[in-house]
Amino acid sequence: MPELPEIAVLSAQMHGEVVGKTVMEVEVLQPKNLNLLVDEFVEKVIGHRIVSVKARGKWLFVELSDDLFLLINLGMGGDLLHYASNDILSETYTFKMGFSDGSGFTIKFWWFGYIHLVDGDGLKKHKMTGELGLSPLNDGFTLPYFRELLRNRRAQVKSFLLNQRRVAGIGNVYIQDILFKARLHPKKTIDTLTEVEIETLYQSMRDVLTLGVAMSGLMYERDFYGKKGGFSSDQFLVGYKTGQPCPSCLTPIEKIRTGNTASYICPKCQKANEVPQ
């Protein structure tokens, strides 16, 4: 599933490539991905110009002229790929958007995904994005903001950070090393965090996600031009490394169950003290 780094890379590339272009063609082969009937969706989109492309958590916000927004989420994974006017589209796709200059992009969902069209008023009411929290790399996501976000919370730290209404963009991949760098057990409750632990967690989020962006995302995800990311298992500190030595103390890394997700931890560096059983 693409997380904040992958979506940030896609949005930057898309913004540089499609802004200013006019939509001339839309092909929908999987209607369930839309929030409108296909004919209505196509009619509303054709003829509009791309104004901007931004990342919000795991979502792409494509702003169109006349206060319209295309909201794209790749779900469990998918390929969102650019094509030039002279390219032959050899890969299968479930969605295609073409521009007046002959270029465009296609989307192929691996399992499920969303392509929703809303206006400015609908943007605020959209069930999936209307209540998204800030992303950790957003300018407004400051340490004081994070402190306030955690105030009076009692949730476990991992489940809180994965809640997209609280913190947008973190998924079960990058969370592993975020918690390890902060030396926090995933089940530690927020109300037991010290000020130093909060500051360390804040910096850990920014460091891990910034590295993910710098590496162009995960190695099994592709960017707008089809290139795979550089964030491989070599970059993981503890994530998905069951039985391998902790990079700090050499204790074997363990895989544990945390709610509906798996967590990878060093039992020595991420002690389960103050964790409810």
Protein backbone atom coordinates (compact mmCIF):
# COMPACT_ATOMS: atom_id res chain seq x y z
CA MET A 1 0.00 0.00 0.00
CA PRO A 2 1.49 3.38 -0.99
CA GLU A 3 2.15 5.57 2.03
CA LEU A 4 3.11 9.23 2.39
CA PRO A 5 6.57 9.01 0.71
CA GLU A 6 5.24 7.26 -2.40
CA ILE A 7 2.30 9.65 -2.73
CA ALA A 8 4.58 12.66 -2.18
CA VAL A 9 6.83 11.51 -5.02
CA LEU A 10 3.86 10.87 -7.32
CA SER A 11 2.27 14.24 -6.57
CA ALA A 12 5.46 16.19 -7.24
CA GLN A 13 6.02 14.42 -10.55
CA MET A 14 2.39 14.75 -11.61
CA HIS A 15 2.32 18.43 -10.69
CA GLY A 16 5.33 19.10 -12.89
CA GLU A 17 3.93 17.10 -15.78
CA VAL A 18 0.17 17.73 -16.01
CA VAL A 19 -0.54 21.19 -14.56
CA GLY A 20 -1.98 23.48 -17.22
CA LYS A 21 -3.13 20.63 -19.45
CA THR A 22 -6.76 20.18 -20.50
CA VAL A 23 -8.63 16.89 -20.12
CA MET A 24 -9.87 15.62 -23.48
CA GLU A 25 -10.40 11.91 -22.87
CA VAL A 26 -11.48 9.73 -19.95
CA GLU A 27 -11.78 5.94 -20.06
CA VAL A 28 -13.22 4.02 -17.11
CA LEU A 29 -12.98 0.22 -17.13
CA GLN A 30 -13.78 -0.34 -13.47
CA PRO A 31 -16.80 1.81 -12.53
CA LYS A 32 -16.73 0.74 -8.87
CA ASN A 33 -13.69 2.97 -8.36
CA LEU A 34 -15.81 6.08 -8.99
CA ASN A 35 -18.24 7.90 -6.73
CA LEU A 36 -20.41 8.86 -9.72
CA LEU A 37 -21.94 7.07 -12.68
CA VAL A 38 -19.39 6.77 -15.48
CA ASP A 39 -21.23 9.05 -17.92
CA GLU A 40 -21.69 11.74 -15.28
CA PHE A 41 -18.06 11.52 -14.21
CA VAL A 42 -16.75 11.78 -17.77
CA GLU A 43 -19.07 14.67 -18.66
CA LYS A 44 -17.99 16.69 -15.63
CA VAL A 45 -14.26 16.16 -16.18
CA ILE A 46 -13.89 16.64 -19.96
CA GLY A 47 -12.70 20.12 -20.93
CA HIS A 48 -11.32 21.07 -17.52
CA ARG A 49 -7.75 22.18 -16.93
CA ILE A 50 -5.42 20.72 -14.30
CA VAL A 51 -4.63 23.43 -11.74
CA SER A 52 -2.48 21.58 -9.20
CA VAL A 53 -1.60 18.18 -7.77
CA LYS A 54 -0.97 17.80 -4.05
CA ALA A 55 -0.43 14.94 -1.60
CA ARG A 56 -2.51 14.58 1.54
CA GLY A 57 -1.55 11.50 3.46
CA LYS A 58 -2.21 8.53 1.18
CA TRP A 59 -4.39 10.59 -1.19
CA LEU A 60 -3.65 12.60 -4.32
CA PHE A 61 -5.67 15.80 -4.64
CA VAL A 62 -5.84 16.82 -8.31
CA GLU A 63 -7.42 20.26 -8.55
CA LEU A 64 -9.27 21.05 -11.77
CA SER A 65 -10.59 24.34 -13.07
CA ASP A 66 -14.04 25.51 -11.92
CA ASP A 67 -13.48 24.32 -8.33
CA LEU A 68 -13.44 20.59 -9.06
CA PHE A 69 -11.19 18.05 -7.34
CA LEU A 70 -10.16 14.58 -8.41
CA LEU A 71 -9.33 12.52 -5.30
CA ILE A 72 -7.20 9.45 -6.01
CA ASN A 73 -6.28 6.68 -3.57
CA LEU A 74 -4.37 3.63 -4.78
CA GLY A 75 -5.74 1.41 -2.02
CA MET A 76 -3.58 -1.66 -1.39
CA GLY A 77 -1.37 -0.66 -4.30
CA GLY A 78 -1.48 0.32 -7.92
CA ASP A 79 0.38 1.84 -10.82
CA LEU A 80 -0.34 5.44 -11.78
CA LEU A 81 1.72 5.96 -14.90
CA HIS A 82 2.37 8.83 -17.30
CA TYR A 83 2.37 8.35 -21.04
CA ALA A 84 3.62 10.69 -23.76
CA SER A 85 1.75 11.45 -26.98
CA ASN A 86 3.80 8.94 -28.98
CA ASP A 87 3.80 6.13 -26.41
CA ILE A 88 2.09 2.80 -27.08
CA LEU A 89 0.13 1.69 -24.03
CA SER A 90 1.16 -1.93 -23.62
CA GLU A 91 0.05 -2.44 -20.03
CA THR A 92 -3.51 -3.08 -18.93
CA TYR A 93 -5.23 -0.34 -16.96
CA THR A 94 -8.52 0.38 -15.24
CA PHE A 95 -8.58 4.15 -15.76
CA LYS A 96 -7.17 6.49 -18.37
CA MET A 97 -7.10 10.27 -18.60
CA GLY A 98 -5.84 11.92 -21.78
CA PHE A 99 -4.94 15.56 -22.38
CA SER A 100 -5.18 17.87 -25.36
CA ASP A 101 -1.48 17.47 -26.18
CA GLY A 102 -1.82 13.69 -26.55
CA SER A 103 -0.21 12.84 -23.23
CA GLY A 104 -1.99 11.50 -20.17
CA PHE A 105 -1.88 8.92 -17.41
CA THR A 106 -3.32 5.52 -16.63
CA ILE A 107 -4.14 3.80 -13.35
CA LYS A 108 -4.07 0.08 -12.68
CA PHE A 109 -5.31 -0.91 -9.23
CA TRP A 110 -3.78 -4.07 -7.80
CA TRP A 111 -6.89 -4.77 -5.75
CA PHE A 112 -9.11 -1.77 -5.02
CA GLY A 113 -8.82 1.99 -5.17
CA TYR A 114 -10.75 5.22 -5.47
CA ILE A 115 -11.14 7.97 -8.06
CA HIS A 116 -13.68 10.41 -6.69
CA LEU A 117 -14.79 13.71 -8.19
CA VAL A 118 -16.09 16.44 -5.89
CA ASP A 119 -16.50 20.21 -5.94
CA GLY A 120 -15.14 22.59 -3.34
CA ASP A 121 -18.12 22.18 -1.04
CA GLY A 122 -18.09 18.41 -1.45
CA LEU A 123 -14.40 18.35 -0.60
CA LYS A 124 -15.15 19.30 2.99
CA LYS A 125 -17.89 16.66 3.23
CA HIS A 126 -16.05 13.82 1.51
CA LYS A 127 -16.25 10.82 3.84
CA MET A 128 -12.74 9.54 3.19
CA THR A 129 -10.75 12.77 3.08
CA GLY A 130 -12.85 15.42 4.81
CA GLU A 131 -11.42 14.58 8.23
CA LEU A 132 -7.84 13.70 7.28
CA GLY A 133 -5.23 14.84 9.76
CA LEU A 134 -2.08 16.68 8.80
CA SER A 135 0.84 14.75 7.36
CA PRO A 136 4.07 14.70 9.42
CA LEU A 137 5.96 16.45 6.60
CA ASN A 138 3.37 19.23 6.35
CA ASP A 139 4.70 22.66 7.38
CA GLY A 140 1.92 22.94 9.94
CA PHE A 141 2.89 19.67 11.62
CA THR A 142 5.20 21.29 14.17
CA LEU A 143 6.37 19.87 17.48
CA PRO A 144 3.90 22.10 19.41
CA TYR A 145 1.11 20.88 17.10
CA PHE A 146 2.13 17.27 17.74
CA ARG A 147 2.21 17.81 21.51
CA GLU A 148 -1.31 19.22 21.39
CA LEU A 149 -2.46 16.35 19.17
CA LEU A 150 -1.32 13.88 21.83
CA ARG A 151 -2.76 15.78 24.77
CA ASN A 152 -5.16 13.71 26.91
CA ARG A 153 -4.92 10.73 24.56
CA ARG A 154 -4.76 7.20 25.96
CA ALA A 155 -4.53 5.16 22.77
CA GLN A 156 -1.60 2.91 22.00
CA VAL A 157 1.03 4.84 20.10
CA LYS A 158 1.02 2.65 16.99
CA SER A 159 -2.75 2.60 16.54
CA PHE A 160 -2.85 6.38 17.04
CA LEU A 161 -0.21 7.08 14.38
CA LEU A 162 -2.00 4.78 11.92
CA ASN A 163 -5.30 6.62 12.42
CA GLN A 164 -5.53 8.79 9.29
CA ARG A 165 -7.82 11.28 11.04
CA ARG A 166 -5.01 11.98 13.52
CA VAL A 167 -1.88 11.63 11.41
CA ALA A 168 -2.24 11.24 7.64
CA GLY A 169 0.11 9.15 5.54
CA ILE A 170 1.73 6.61 7.85
CA GLY A 171 1.00 2.94 7.20
CA ASN A 172 2.24 -0.38 8.52
CA VAL A 173 5.51 -0.23 6.57
CA TYR A 174 7.17 3.00 7.70
CA ILE A 175 5.67 2.79 11.22
CA GLN A 176 8.05 -0.07 12.07
CA ASP A 177 11.23 1.99 11.89
CA ILE A 178 9.53 5.13 13.19
CA LEU A 179 8.79 3.39 16.48
CA PHE A 180 12.19 1.69 16.59
CA LYS A 181 14.10 4.95 16.12
CA ALA A 182 11.97 6.45 18.89
CA ARG A 183 12.64 3.35 21.06
CA LEU A 184 8.92 2.91 21.67
CA HIS A 185 6.97 -0.31 21.98
CA PRO A 186 3.95 -0.17 19.61
CA LYS A 187 1.55 -0.91 22.49
CA LYS A 188 2.86 1.85 24.74
CA THR A 189 0.03 4.22 25.58
CA ILE A 190 0.27 7.89 24.73
CA ASP A 191 -0.51 9.06 28.26
CA THR A 192 2.72 7.40 29.48
CA LEU A 193 4.99 9.21 27.00
CA THR A 194 7.54 11.60 28.48
CA GLU A 195 8.34 14.94 26.89
CA VAL A 196 11.64 13.52 25.63
CA GLU A 197 9.84 10.54 24.09
CA ILE A 198 7.36 12.84 22.34
CA GLU A 199 10.17 14.93 20.88
CA THR A 200 12.06 11.81 19.80
CA LEU A 201 8.95 10.33 18.19
CA TYR A 202 8.26 13.57 16.34
CA GLN A 203 11.78 13.66 14.92
CA SER A 204 11.69 9.95 14.12
CA MET A 205 8.55 10.39 11.99
CA ARG A 206 10.14 13.20 10.04
CA ASP A 207 13.45 11.38 9.59
CA VAL A 208 11.99 8.08 8.38
CA LEU A 209 9.43 9.66 6.05
CA THR A 210 11.95 12.16 4.66
CA LEU A 211 14.30 9.28 3.89
CA GLY A 212 11.45 7.47 2.16
CA VAL A 213 10.83 10.48 -0.08
CA ALA A 214 14.55 10.91 -0.78
CA MET A 215 14.74 7.24 -1.82
CA SER A 216 11.71 7.76 -4.13
CA GLY A 217 9.57 5.40 -2.08
CA LEU A 218 9.48 1.65 -1.57
CA MET A 219 11.22 -0.67 -4.00
CA TYR A 220 7.98 -2.43 -5.03
CA GLU A 221 6.11 0.83 -5.79
CA ARG A 222 6.50 2.70 -9.09
CA ASP A 223 6.60 6.44 -9.61
CA PHE A 224 4.77 8.44 -12.31
CA TYR A 225 7.34 7.38 -14.92
CA GLY A 226 7.36 3.70 -14.02
CA LYS A 227 10.60 3.70 -12.04
CA LYS A 228 10.64 1.65 -8.85
CA GLY A 229 11.62 3.27 -5.57
CA GLY A 230 14.96 2.76 -3.87
CA PHE A 231 13.77 2.09 -0.32
CA SER A 232 14.62 -1.61 -0.04
CA SER A 233 15.11 -4.06 2.82
CA ASP A 234 18.61 -2.62 3.18
CA GLN A 235 17.08 0.63 4.45
CA PHE A 236 14.81 -1.03 7.01
CA LEU A 237 16.17 -1.02 10.55
CA VAL A 238 13.83 -3.63 12.05
CA GLY A 239 10.83 -3.78 9.73
CA TYR A 240 10.24 -7.24 8.22
CA LYS A 241 13.54 -8.55 9.64
CA THR A 242 12.34 -11.23 12.04
CA GLY A 243 15.26 -13.07 13.66
CA GLN A 244 17.91 -10.70 12.34
CA PRO A 245 20.08 -8.76 14.83
CA CYS A 246 18.94 -5.36 16.05
CA PRO A 247 21.19 -2.70 14.47
CA SER A 248 21.73 -1.15 17.91
CA CYS A 249 22.14 -4.05 20.36
CA LEU A 250 22.19 -7.22 18.20
CA THR A 251 19.18 -8.73 19.99
CA PRO A 252 17.11 -10.82 17.52
CA ILE A 253 14.19 -8.84 16.08
CA GLU A 254 10.77 -10.22 16.95
CA LYS A 255 7.45 -10.16 15.12
CA ILE A 256 4.45 -9.56 17.36
CA ARG A 257 0.75 -9.04 16.82
CA THR A 258 -0.65 -5.57 17.50
CA GLY A 259 -4.37 -5.46 16.89
CA ASN A 260 -4.96 -6.35 13.25
CA THR A 261 -1.39 -5.60 12.21
CA ALA A 262 2.04 -7.16 12.63
CA SER A 263 4.84 -5.26 14.35
CA TYR A 264 8.59 -5.81 14.22
CA ILE A 265 10.46 -4.80 17.34
CA CYS A 266 13.68 -5.18 19.26
CA PRO A 267 12.50 -6.51 22.65
CA LYS A 268 15.49 -4.90 24.34
CA CYS A 269 15.38 -1.43 22.74
CA GLN A 270 11.58 -1.24 22.71
CA LYS A 271 10.70 -2.55 26.12
CA ALA A 272 7.09 -3.35 26.84
CA ASN A 273 7.05 -1.54 30.17
CA GLU A 274 3.77 0.13 31.09
CA VAL A 275 2.01 -1.88 28.41
CA PRO A 276 -1.42 -3.20 29.42
CA GLN A 277 -1.67 -6.97 29.08
